[in-house]
Amino acid sequence: MLGASLTIGQIALTVTDVARATAFYRDKVGLPFLFEAGGMAFFNCGGVRLMLSTSNTGTAYSSILYYKTPDIYAAVENLRDKGVVFEQDARMIAKMPDHELWMAFFKDSEGNLCGLMSEVR
């Protein structure tokens, strides 16, 4: 079955200003910058490539990216120290049988909603 063997190779995120968004994801979020090509910027996000580009229509549209972190409190503090404003502080979303799922939400430089997620045991 093909679906079981598929993994995410790249996520495209549209932005209105590639340079500004590149600085945000590189300097504030701390994603490793890979390269620029054709007005697009590429980052490594745990083995999944994140592509930033403008849309053909001139408006940005987004998926919500959830960044997995082992310590959500340290991640929130680190981003706040870099000037990132959170829409919602870290809080428990669900209690699972073997862990609690915690999330916190912030917007990037382009207004896209992003999430931090942590499985707290």
C-alpha atoms as a PDB file:
ATOM      1  CA  MET A   1       0.000   0.000   0.000  1.00  0.00           C
ATOM      2  CA  LEU A   2       1.556   3.284  -1.136  1.00  0.00           C
ATOM      3  CA  GLY A   3       0.081   5.510   1.610  1.00  0.00           C
ATOM      4  CA  ALA A   4       1.832   3.637   4.414  1.00  0.00           C
ATOM      5  CA  SER A   5       5.234   4.289   2.812  1.00  0.00           C
ATOM      6  CA  LEU A   6       4.736   8.018   2.204  1.00  0.00           C
ATOM      7  CA  THR A   7       6.367  10.614   4.423  1.00  0.00           C
ATOM      8  CA  ILE A   8       6.283  14.402   4.289  1.00  0.00           C
ATOM      9  CA  GLY A   9       9.181  15.682   2.213  1.00  0.00           C
ATOM     10  CA  GLN A  10       8.277  19.361   2.010  1.00  0.00           C
ATOM     11  CA  ILE A  11       5.698  21.821   3.294  1.00  0.00           C
ATOM     12  CA  ALA A  12       4.996  24.982   1.293  1.00  0.00           C
ATOM     13  CA  LEU A  13       4.018  28.061   3.250  1.00  0.00           C
ATOM     14  CA  THR A  14       2.938  31.163   1.344  1.00  0.00           C
ATOM     15  CA  VAL A  15       4.043  34.522   2.670  1.00  0.00           C
ATOM     16  CA  THR A  16       3.737  38.116   1.511  1.00  0.00           C
ATOM     17  CA  ASP A  17       7.418  38.986   2.117  1.00  0.00           C
ATOM     18  CA  VAL A  18       9.935  36.152   1.625  1.00  0.00           C
ATOM     19  CA  ALA A  19      12.892  38.129   3.014  1.00  0.00           C
ATOM     20  CA  ARG A  20      11.027  39.083   6.193  1.00  0.00           C
ATOM     21  CA  ALA A  21       9.700  35.542   6.659  1.00  0.00           C
ATOM     22  CA  THR A  22      13.171  34.094   6.020  1.00  0.00           C
ATOM     23  CA  ALA A  23      14.612  36.275   8.783  1.00  0.00           C
ATOM     24  CA  PHE A  24      11.791  35.233  11.138  1.00  0.00           C
ATOM     25  CA  TYR A  25      12.197  31.478  10.617  1.00  0.00           C
ATOM     26  CA  ARG A  26      16.014  31.648  10.594  1.00  0.00           C
ATOM     27  CA  ASP A  27      16.682  34.180  13.366  1.00  0.00           C
ATOM     28  CA  LYS A  28      13.718  33.790  15.726  1.00  0.00           C
ATOM     29  CA  VAL A  29      12.466  30.235  15.262  1.00  0.00           C
ATOM     30  CA  GLY A  30      16.011  28.988  14.606  1.00  0.00           C
ATOM     31  CA  LEU A  31      15.322  26.633  11.707  1.00  0.00           C
ATOM     32  CA  PRO A  32      18.459  25.737   9.728  1.00  0.00           C
ATOM     33  CA  PHE A  33      18.436  27.707   6.476  1.00  0.00           C
ATOM     34  CA  LEU A  34      19.150  25.505   3.449  1.00  0.00           C
ATOM     35  CA  PHE A  35      19.066  27.681   0.321  1.00  0.00           C
ATOM     36  CA  GLU A  36      17.207  30.265  -1.776  1.00  0.00           C
ATOM     37  CA  ALA A  37      16.053  29.661  -5.352  1.00  0.00           C
ATOM     38  CA  GLY A  38      13.640  31.472  -7.631  1.00  0.00           C
ATOM     39  CA  GLY A  39      12.385  33.852  -4.940  1.00  0.00           C
ATOM     40  CA  MET A  40      11.791  31.002  -2.495  1.00  0.00           C
ATOM     41  CA  ALA A  41      13.583  30.121   0.756  1.00  0.00           C
ATOM     42  CA  PHE A  42      14.086  26.602   2.096  1.00  0.00           C
ATOM     43  CA  PHE A  43      14.701  25.371   5.653  1.00  0.00           C
ATOM     44  CA  ASN A  44      15.333  22.011   7.298  1.00  0.00           C
ATOM     45  CA  CYS A  45      12.732  21.218   9.928  1.00  0.00           C
ATOM     46  CA  GLY A  46      13.737  17.864  11.420  1.00  0.00           C
ATOM     47  CA  GLY A  47      14.274  16.302   8.007  1.00  0.00           C
ATOM     48  CA  VAL A  48      11.188  17.893   6.423  1.00  0.00           C
ATOM     49  CA  ARG A  49      11.880  20.793   4.089  1.00  0.00           C
ATOM     50  CA  LEU A  50       9.908  24.002   4.683  1.00  0.00           C
ATOM     51  CA  MET A  51       9.520  26.175   1.568  1.00  0.00           C
ATOM     52  CA  LEU A  52       8.566  29.840   1.864  1.00  0.00           C
ATOM     53  CA  SER A  53       7.208  31.525  -1.262  1.00  0.00           C
ATOM     54  CA  THR A  54       4.733  34.152  -2.378  1.00  0.00           C
ATOM     55  CA  SER A  55       1.456  33.015  -3.891  1.00  0.00           C
ATOM     56  CA  ASN A  56       0.495  33.648  -7.501  1.00  0.00           C
ATOM     57  CA  THR A  57      -2.603  35.532  -6.320  1.00  0.00           C
ATOM     58  CA  GLY A  58      -0.715  37.958  -4.048  1.00  0.00           C
ATOM     59  CA  THR A  59      -2.432  36.752  -0.879  1.00  0.00           C
ATOM     60  CA  ALA A  60      -0.908  34.420   1.663  1.00  0.00           C
ATOM     61  CA  TYR A  61      -2.671  31.241   2.665  1.00  0.00           C
ATOM     62  CA  SER A  62      -1.424  28.867   5.274  1.00  0.00           C
ATOM     63  CA  SER A  63      -1.478  25.521   6.876  1.00  0.00           C
ATOM     64  CA  ILE A  64      -0.824  25.483  10.604  1.00  0.00           C
ATOM     65  CA  LEU A  65       2.660  24.188  11.258  1.00  0.00           C
ATOM     66  CA  TYR A  66       3.104  22.389  14.562  1.00  0.00           C
ATOM     67  CA  TYR A  67       6.708  22.263  15.774  1.00  0.00           C
ATOM     68  CA  LYS A  68       7.346  19.352  18.105  1.00  0.00           C
ATOM     69  CA  THR A  69       9.546  20.165  21.091  1.00  0.00           C
ATOM     70  CA  PRO A  70      10.588  18.079  24.109  1.00  0.00           C
ATOM     71  CA  ASP A  71      10.272  21.077  26.491  1.00  0.00           C
ATOM     72  CA  ILE A  72       7.457  23.438  25.584  1.00  0.00           C
ATOM     73  CA  TYR A  73       8.202  25.873  28.411  1.00  0.00           C
ATOM     74  CA  ALA A  74      11.846  26.285  27.366  1.00  0.00           C
ATOM     75  CA  ALA A  75      10.796  26.676  23.697  1.00  0.00           C
ATOM     76  CA  VAL A  76       8.233  29.371  24.567  1.00  0.00           C
ATOM     77  CA  GLU A  77      10.758  31.225  26.730  1.00  0.00           C
ATOM     78  CA  ASN A  78      13.407  31.032  23.997  1.00  0.00           C
ATOM     79  CA  LEU A  79      11.057  32.423  21.343  1.00  0.00           C
ATOM     80  CA  ARG A  80       9.739  35.154  23.675  1.00  0.00           C
ATOM     81  CA  ASP A  81      13.328  36.219  24.366  1.00  0.00           C
ATOM     82  CA  LYS A  82      13.640  36.762  20.593  1.00  0.00           C
ATOM     83  CA  GLY A  83      10.518  38.930  20.461  1.00  0.00           C
ATOM     84  CA  VAL A  84       7.946  36.342  19.358  1.00  0.00           C
ATOM     85  CA  VAL A  85       4.474  37.177  20.685  1.00  0.00           C
ATOM     86  CA  PHE A  86       2.278  34.243  21.631  1.00  0.00           C
ATOM     87  CA  GLU A  87      -1.423  34.140  20.807  1.00  0.00           C
ATOM     88  CA  GLN A  88      -1.909  31.495  23.466  1.00  0.00           C
ATOM     89  CA  ASP A  89       0.416  30.355  26.234  1.00  0.00           C
ATOM     90  CA  ALA A  90       1.369  26.727  26.683  1.00  0.00           C
ATOM     91  CA  ARG A  91      -1.550  24.692  27.980  1.00  0.00           C
ATOM     92  CA  MET A  92      -2.658  21.093  28.126  1.00  0.00           C
ATOM     93  CA  ILE A  93      -4.839  20.203  25.136  1.00  0.00           C
ATOM     94  CA  ALA A  94      -5.504  16.525  25.868  1.00  0.00           C
ATOM     95  CA  LYS A  95      -4.703  13.940  28.516  1.00  0.00           C
ATOM     96  CA  MET A  96      -3.690  10.694  26.837  1.00  0.00           C
ATOM     97  CA  PRO A  97      -3.184   7.330  28.560  1.00  0.00           C
ATOM     98  CA  ASP A  98       0.622   7.719  28.660  1.00  0.00           C
ATOM     99  CA  HIS A  99       1.194  11.495  28.270  1.00  0.00           C
ATOM    100  CA  GLU A 100      -0.338  14.952  28.177  1.00  0.00           C
ATOM    101  CA  LEU A 101      -0.411  16.882  24.896  1.00  0.00           C
ATOM    102  CA  TRP A 102       0.578  20.523  25.425  1.00  0.00           C
ATOM    103  CA  MET A 103       0.471  23.312  22.823  1.00  0.00           C
ATOM    104  CA  ALA A 104       1.234  27.020  22.515  1.00  0.00           C
ATOM    105  CA  PHE A 105       0.457  29.226  19.512  1.00  0.00           C
ATOM    106  CA  PHE A 106       2.191  32.213  17.903  1.00  0.00           C
ATOM    107  CA  LYS A 107       2.077  34.046  14.587  1.00  0.00           C
ATOM    108  CA  ASP A 108       5.048  34.377  12.283  1.00  0.00           C
ATOM    109  CA  SER A 109       6.136  37.626  10.622  1.00  0.00           C
ATOM    110  CA  GLU A 110       3.497  37.106   7.908  1.00  0.00           C
ATOM    111  CA  GLY A 111       0.544  36.458  10.258  1.00  0.00           C
ATOM    112  CA  ASN A 112       0.535  32.677   9.804  1.00  0.00           C
ATOM    113  CA  LEU A 113      -0.519  30.776  12.914  1.00  0.00           C
ATOM    114  CA  CYS A 114       2.130  28.331  14.185  1.00  0.00           C
ATOM    115  CA  GLY A 115       2.009  25.891  17.065  1.00  0.00           C
ATOM    116  CA  LEU A 116       4.473  24.360  19.457  1.00  0.00           C
ATOM    117  CA  MET A 117       3.536  20.903  20.676  1.00  0.00           C
ATOM    118  CA  SER A 118       4.994  18.719  23.384  1.00  0.00           C
ATOM    119  CA  GLU A 119       4.135  15.272  24.681  1.00  0.00           C
ATOM    120  CA  VAL A 120       4.663  15.628  28.424  1.00  0.00           C
ATOM    121  CA  ARG A 121       5.152  12.391  30.348  1.00  0.00           C
END
